[in-house]
């Protein structure tokens, strides 16, 4: 299977969904990877006819667990989630959860684990649940 053409396409899709996710005009909560526990990637919210870029956050490029391998292609891009006025994502580069203000992209806080974070955090009842390669599951106050 040739993944060479799929990866740029998947990155483009990831960027598109991130922009859609961060558009303040019509933003529903997106508390988990692909929106919900079923991983549907769907929200009933209607997007505006014309999207416009609100801000950009430059994060370090993710470091896959298995470079040049097609075994697991889950960590090639950051996987942001958003609830209310916040956006969070984990990083495989610095092993941290990053919290940003949705309206401005301004960093609100960072929580460092001891190893890479390869999957999206999950939001539930004002908490973030994050797994890390250090073998721990972290429960963080989302505020």
Protein backbone atom coordinates (compact mmCIF):
# COMPACT_ATOMS: atom_id res chain seq x y z
CA UNK A 1 0.00 0.00 0.00
CA UNK A 2 1.44 3.37 -1.00
CA UNK A 3 0.80 5.93 1.73
CA UNK A 4 2.94 8.61 0.08
CA UNK A 5 -0.06 10.28 -1.53
CA UNK A 6 -2.42 9.72 1.38
CA UNK A 7 -0.38 11.51 4.04
CA UNK A 8 -0.45 15.00 2.41
CA UNK A 9 -4.16 14.53 1.72
CA UNK A 10 -4.77 13.51 5.34
CA UNK A 11 -2.80 16.53 6.57
CA UNK A 12 -4.92 18.78 4.36
CA UNK A 13 -8.07 17.23 5.76
CA UNK A 14 -6.73 17.68 9.30
CA UNK A 15 -5.99 21.37 8.65
CA UNK A 16 -9.43 21.86 7.09
CA UNK A 17 -11.20 20.33 10.08
CA UNK A 18 -9.06 22.37 12.47
CA UNK A 19 -10.06 25.58 10.69
CA UNK A 20 -13.70 24.50 10.68
CA UNK A 21 -13.43 23.59 14.33
CA UNK A 22 -12.00 26.97 15.23
CA UNK A 23 -14.43 29.11 13.26
CA UNK A 24 -16.24 31.08 15.96
CA UNK A 25 -19.38 31.81 13.91
CA UNK A 26 -20.71 28.26 14.03
CA UNK A 27 -18.77 26.26 16.56
CA UNK A 28 -20.23 23.29 18.35
CA UNK A 29 -18.26 21.45 20.99
CA UNK A 30 -15.86 18.83 19.62
CA UNK A 31 -14.90 17.02 22.86
CA UNK A 32 -13.08 14.00 21.38
CA UNK A 33 -11.16 12.86 18.32
CA UNK A 34 -13.60 12.80 15.36
CA UNK A 35 -16.20 14.58 17.50
CA UNK A 36 -17.79 11.87 19.64
CA UNK A 37 -17.39 8.44 21.22
CA UNK A 38 -18.53 6.80 17.98
CA UNK A 39 -15.81 8.71 16.05
CA UNK A 40 -18.37 9.88 13.50
CA UNK A 41 -16.49 13.05 12.54
CA UNK A 42 -19.92 14.69 12.19
CA UNK A 43 -21.65 17.61 13.84
CA UNK A 44 -25.12 18.92 12.96
CA UNK A 45 -23.79 22.49 13.10
CA UNK A 46 -23.96 24.33 9.78
CA UNK A 47 -20.80 26.04 8.58
CA UNK A 48 -20.89 29.59 7.27
CA UNK A 49 -20.90 29.93 3.48
CA UNK A 50 -17.43 31.46 3.57
CA UNK A 51 -14.77 30.46 6.09
CA UNK A 52 -12.04 32.89 7.08
CA UNK A 53 -8.84 32.24 8.95
CA UNK A 54 -9.04 33.62 12.50
CA UNK A 55 -5.56 32.77 13.77
CA UNK A 56 -2.70 30.30 13.37
CA UNK A 57 -0.82 28.38 16.06
CA UNK A 58 2.53 26.99 14.96
CA UNK A 59 3.11 23.68 16.73
CA UNK A 60 6.14 21.47 16.20
CA UNK A 61 5.62 18.76 13.58
CA UNK A 62 4.50 15.51 15.26
CA UNK A 63 7.03 12.71 15.58
CA UNK A 64 5.40 9.39 14.62
CA UNK A 65 6.02 6.38 16.81
CA UNK A 66 7.08 4.35 13.77
CA UNK A 67 8.61 6.59 11.10
CA UNK A 68 8.47 5.22 7.55
CA UNK A 69 6.11 2.45 8.62
CA UNK A 70 2.55 1.85 7.56
CA UNK A 71 1.75 -0.14 10.70
CA UNK A 72 0.15 2.67 12.63
CA UNK A 73 -0.77 5.96 10.99
CA UNK A 74 -2.50 7.60 13.94
CA UNK A 75 0.06 10.20 15.00
CA UNK A 76 1.00 12.02 11.78
CA UNK A 77 -0.93 15.18 12.77
CA UNK A 78 -2.10 16.93 15.92
CA UNK A 79 -5.65 16.06 16.92
CA UNK A 80 -7.29 19.13 18.49
CA UNK A 81 -10.51 19.08 20.46
CA UNK A 82 -12.64 22.08 21.41
CA UNK A 83 -15.26 22.76 24.06
CA UNK A 84 -16.66 26.20 24.78
CA UNK A 85 -13.96 28.83 24.39
CA UNK A 86 -10.97 26.47 24.59
CA UNK A 87 -8.94 24.25 22.25
CA UNK A 88 -6.58 21.48 23.44
CA UNK A 89 -4.13 19.17 21.72
CA UNK A 90 -1.40 16.78 22.77
CA UNK A 91 2.07 16.74 21.26
CA UNK A 92 4.36 13.85 20.48
CA UNK A 93 7.29 16.30 20.28
CA UNK A 94 7.28 17.85 23.76
CA UNK A 95 5.00 15.37 25.55
CA UNK A 96 2.65 18.16 26.53
CA UNK A 97 -1.02 19.05 26.43
CA UNK A 98 -1.46 22.56 25.03
CA UNK A 99 -4.50 24.69 25.94
CA UNK A 100 -5.38 27.62 23.66
CA UNK A 101 -8.11 30.24 23.70
CA UNK A 102 -10.39 29.45 20.75
CA UNK A 103 -11.06 33.09 19.88
CA UNK A 104 -7.43 34.24 19.74
CA UNK A 105 -5.17 31.17 19.63
CA UNK A 106 -3.35 32.54 22.68
CA UNK A 107 -1.74 29.87 24.86
CA UNK A 108 -3.55 29.54 28.18
CA UNK A 109 -1.49 26.72 29.72
CA UNK A 110 0.76 23.73 29.02
CA UNK A 111 0.96 20.47 30.99
CA UNK A 112 4.05 18.31 30.43
CA UNK A 113 4.04 14.52 30.74
CA UNK A 114 7.18 12.39 30.70
CA UNK A 115 6.64 11.03 27.15
CA UNK A 116 4.96 11.76 23.82
CA UNK A 117 1.20 12.17 23.59
CA UNK A 118 -0.03 10.48 20.42
CA UNK A 119 -3.81 10.67 20.71
CA UNK A 120 -6.30 13.47 21.20
CA UNK A 121 -7.36 14.35 24.72
CA UNK A 122 -10.98 13.64 25.64
CA UNK A 123 -13.12 16.24 27.43
CA UNK A 124 -15.70 15.13 29.98
CA UNK A 125 -17.34 17.07 32.82
CA UNK A 126 -14.78 19.92 32.89
CA UNK A 127 -11.82 17.51 32.77
CA UNK A 128 -9.38 16.42 30.09
CA UNK A 129 -8.28 12.79 29.95
CA UNK A 130 -4.93 12.28 28.23
CA UNK A 131 -2.85 9.16 27.71
CA UNK A 132 0.92 9.38 27.32
CA UNK A 133 3.66 7.00 26.20
CA UNK A 134 4.92 7.11 29.81
CA UNK A 135 2.12 4.65 30.63
CA UNK A 136 -0.04 7.09 32.58
CA UNK A 137 -3.56 8.36 32.02
CA UNK A 138 -3.80 11.96 33.19
CA UNK A 139 -6.96 13.72 34.35
CA UNK A 140 -6.49 17.49 34.04
CA UNK A 141 -8.77 20.35 34.98
CA UNK A 142 -9.74 21.77 31.59
CA UNK A 143 -10.07 25.44 32.61
